[in-house]
Amino acid sequence: MVHTCPRCELRFTNDAELKYHLGVDHHADPTSFERFHYKPASTRPKGRRYLVVANQTLGDEALVTAI
């Protein structure tokens, strides 16, 4: 399993390396990041899904309306 840093996209071979990297390189608490777990396709709700990736535009009213 590959572990990817949520801040810089570096990849690590184990969870301990990722936690060390977050603490040393980003000065961040590793427990403050949520892990994403995807449900099997058979248990997901039907219909369209969207992934919104944003930082400054997230508070934009037009984006909120579109979502």
N, C-alpha and C. Protein backbone atom coordinates (compact mmCIF):
# COMPACT_ATOMS: atom_id res chain seq x y z
N MET A 1 0.84 -1.18 0.00
CA MET A 1 0.00 0.00 0.00
C MET A 1 0.88 1.24 0.00
N VAL A 2 0.52 2.23 -0.78
CA VAL A 2 1.26 3.48 -0.87
C VAL A 2 0.51 4.53 -0.06
N HIS A 3 1.25 5.30 0.72
CA HIS A 3 0.68 6.37 1.54
C HIS A 3 1.09 7.71 0.93
N THR A 4 0.12 8.55 0.58
CA THR A 4 0.39 9.83 -0.06
C THR A 4 0.16 10.97 0.92
N CYS A 5 1.10 11.91 0.94
CA CYS A 5 0.98 13.09 1.81
C CYS A 5 -0.17 13.95 1.32
N PRO A 6 -1.09 14.34 2.20
CA PRO A 6 -2.22 15.17 1.78
C PRO A 6 -1.82 16.62 1.50
N ARG A 7 -0.62 17.00 1.86
CA ARG A 7 -0.18 18.38 1.63
C ARG A 7 0.69 18.55 0.39
N CYS A 8 1.54 17.57 0.08
CA CYS A 8 2.49 17.79 -1.02
C CYS A 8 2.53 16.65 -2.02
N GLU A 9 1.74 15.61 -1.82
CA GLU A 9 1.62 14.48 -2.74
C GLU A 9 2.86 13.58 -2.80
N LEU A 10 3.81 13.72 -1.86
CA LEU A 10 4.89 12.75 -1.78
C LEU A 10 4.31 11.40 -1.37
N ARG A 11 4.95 10.33 -1.78
CA ARG A 11 4.44 8.99 -1.47
C ARG A 11 5.43 8.24 -0.60
N PHE A 12 4.87 7.43 0.31
CA PHE A 12 5.68 6.69 1.28
C PHE A 12 5.24 5.24 1.31
N THR A 13 6.16 4.37 1.71
CA THR A 13 5.86 2.93 1.71
C THR A 13 5.09 2.49 2.93
N ASN A 14 5.13 3.28 4.01
CA ASN A 14 4.36 2.89 5.20
C ASN A 14 3.83 4.11 5.94
N ASP A 15 2.91 3.87 6.83
CA ASP A 15 2.23 4.93 7.57
C ASP A 15 3.19 5.69 8.49
N ALA A 16 4.16 5.00 9.07
CA ALA A 16 5.11 5.65 9.97
C ALA A 16 5.94 6.70 9.24
N GLU A 17 6.36 6.41 8.01
CA GLU A 17 7.12 7.39 7.23
C GLU A 17 6.27 8.62 6.93
N LEU A 18 5.01 8.40 6.60
CA LEU A 18 4.11 9.52 6.31
C LEU A 18 3.92 10.39 7.55
N LYS A 19 3.70 9.78 8.71
CA LYS A 19 3.51 10.54 9.95
C LYS A 19 4.76 11.34 10.28
N TYR A 20 5.92 10.74 10.11
CA TYR A 20 7.19 11.43 10.37
C TYR A 20 7.32 12.63 9.43
N HIS A 21 7.04 12.41 8.16
CA HIS A 21 7.11 13.47 7.15
C HIS A 21 6.18 14.65 7.50
N LEU A 22 4.94 14.34 7.87
CA LEU A 22 4.00 15.40 8.22
C LEU A 22 4.50 16.22 9.41
N GLY A 23 5.04 15.55 10.41
CA GLY A 23 5.52 16.25 11.60
C GLY A 23 6.76 17.07 11.34
N VAL A 24 7.72 16.52 10.62
CA VAL A 24 9.00 17.19 10.40
C VAL A 24 8.92 18.22 9.27
N ASP A 25 8.41 17.84 8.13
CA ASP A 25 8.43 18.72 6.96
C ASP A 25 7.30 19.74 6.93
N HIS A 26 6.15 19.39 7.49
CA HIS A 26 4.99 20.29 7.45
C HIS A 26 4.63 20.85 8.83
N HIS A 27 5.28 20.37 9.86
CA HIS A 27 4.97 20.79 11.23
C HIS A 27 3.48 20.67 11.52
N ALA A 28 2.92 19.53 11.11
CA ALA A 28 1.48 19.28 11.25
C ALA A 28 1.25 18.02 12.08
N ASP A 29 0.15 18.02 12.80
CA ASP A 29 -0.24 16.85 13.58
C ASP A 29 -0.81 15.81 12.62
N PRO A 30 -0.18 14.65 12.49
CA PRO A 30 -0.66 13.63 11.54
C PRO A 30 -2.08 13.16 11.81
N THR A 31 -2.55 13.26 13.03
CA THR A 31 -3.91 12.81 13.34
C THR A 31 -4.96 13.82 12.90
N SER A 32 -4.55 15.01 12.46
CA SER A 32 -5.52 16.03 12.06
C SER A 32 -6.02 15.84 10.63
N PHE A 33 -5.45 14.89 9.88
CA PHE A 33 -5.87 14.65 8.51
C PHE A 33 -6.80 13.46 8.45
N GLU A 34 -7.89 13.63 7.75
CA GLU A 34 -8.88 12.57 7.59
C GLU A 34 -8.45 11.63 6.46
N ARG A 35 -8.56 10.36 6.69
CA ARG A 35 -8.25 9.37 5.65
C ARG A 35 -9.51 9.15 4.81
N PHE A 36 -9.33 9.03 3.52
CA PHE A 36 -10.45 8.80 2.63
C PHE A 36 -10.58 7.30 2.37
N HIS A 37 -11.76 6.77 2.59
CA HIS A 37 -12.04 5.38 2.32
C HIS A 37 -13.26 5.33 1.40
N TYR A 38 -13.10 4.68 0.29
CA TYR A 38 -14.18 4.60 -0.67
C TYR A 38 -14.98 3.32 -0.46
N LYS A 39 -16.29 3.44 -0.53
CA LYS A 39 -17.17 2.29 -0.37
C LYS A 39 -17.15 1.48 -1.65
N PRO A 40 -17.42 0.19 -1.54
CA PRO A 40 -17.52 -0.63 -2.77
C PRO A 40 -18.63 -0.09 -3.67
N ALA A 41 -18.46 -0.25 -4.96
CA ALA A 41 -19.42 0.30 -5.93
C ALA A 41 -20.85 -0.15 -5.65
N SER A 42 -21.01 -1.38 -5.17
CA SER A 42 -22.37 -1.89 -4.94
C SER A 42 -23.10 -1.18 -3.79
N THR A 43 -22.37 -0.51 -2.89
CA THR A 43 -23.01 0.17 -1.75
C THR A 43 -23.06 1.68 -1.91
N ARG A 44 -22.50 2.21 -3.00
CA ARG A 44 -22.53 3.66 -3.22
C ARG A 44 -23.90 4.08 -3.73
N PRO A 45 -24.31 5.31 -3.40
CA PRO A 45 -25.59 5.81 -3.93
C PRO A 45 -25.49 5.98 -5.45
N LYS A 46 -26.60 5.75 -6.13
CA LYS A 46 -26.64 5.90 -7.59
C LYS A 46 -26.69 7.38 -7.95
N GLY A 47 -26.29 7.68 -9.17
CA GLY A 47 -26.35 9.06 -9.64
C GLY A 47 -24.96 9.64 -9.83
N ARG A 48 -24.93 10.90 -10.14
CA ARG A 48 -23.67 11.58 -10.40
C ARG A 48 -22.98 11.98 -9.11
N ARG A 49 -21.67 11.97 -9.17
CA ARG A 49 -20.86 12.44 -8.04
C ARG A 49 -19.86 13.45 -8.59
N TYR A 50 -19.52 14.43 -7.79
CA TYR A 50 -18.59 15.46 -8.20
C TYR A 50 -17.50 15.60 -7.15
N LEU A 51 -16.30 15.84 -7.60
CA LEU A 51 -15.18 16.14 -6.71
C LEU A 51 -14.85 17.60 -6.91
N VAL A 52 -14.93 18.38 -5.83
CA VAL A 52 -14.61 19.80 -5.89
C VAL A 52 -13.32 20.01 -5.12
N VAL A 53 -12.33 20.53 -5.83
CA VAL A 53 -11.04 20.83 -5.21
C VAL A 53 -10.86 22.33 -5.32
N ALA A 54 -10.73 22.99 -4.16
CA ALA A 54 -10.64 24.45 -4.18
C ALA A 54 -9.92 24.94 -2.94
N ASN A 55 -9.44 26.15 -3.01
CA ASN A 55 -8.95 26.80 -1.80
C ASN A 55 -9.58 28.18 -1.70
N GLN A 56 -9.17 29.14 -2.49
CA GLN A 56 -9.71 30.49 -2.39
C GLN A 56 -11.11 30.61 -2.96
N THR A 57 -11.44 29.82 -3.95
CA THR A 57 -12.76 29.94 -4.58
C THR A 57 -13.86 29.25 -3.80
N LEU A 58 -13.51 28.50 -2.77
CA LEU A 58 -14.51 27.73 -2.05
C LEU A 58 -15.61 28.62 -1.47
N GLY A 59 -15.28 29.83 -1.05
CA GLY A 59 -16.27 30.73 -0.48
C GLY A 59 -17.03 31.53 -1.52
N ASP A 60 -16.73 31.34 -2.78
CA ASP A 60 -17.38 32.07 -3.86
C ASP A 60 -18.84 31.63 -3.97
N GLU A 61 -19.75 32.57 -3.94
CA GLU A 61 -21.18 32.27 -3.98
C GLU A 61 -21.59 31.54 -5.26
N ALA A 62 -20.94 31.86 -6.38
CA ALA A 62 -21.27 31.19 -7.64
C ALA A 62 -20.94 29.69 -7.58
N LEU A 63 -19.83 29.35 -6.93
CA LEU A 63 -19.47 27.93 -6.79
C LEU A 63 -20.47 27.21 -5.88
N VAL A 64 -20.83 27.83 -4.79
CA VAL A 64 -21.79 27.22 -3.86
C VAL A 64 -23.12 27.00 -4.56
N THR A 65 -23.56 27.94 -5.36
CA THR A 65 -24.82 27.82 -6.11
C THR A 65 -24.74 26.67 -7.12
N ALA A 66 -23.59 26.56 -7.79
CA ALA A 66 -23.42 25.52 -8.81
C ALA A 66 -23.43 24.13 -8.19
N ILE A 67 -22.88 24.01 -7.01
CA ILE A 67 -22.84 22.71 -6.34
C ILE A 67 -24.22 22.35 -5.87
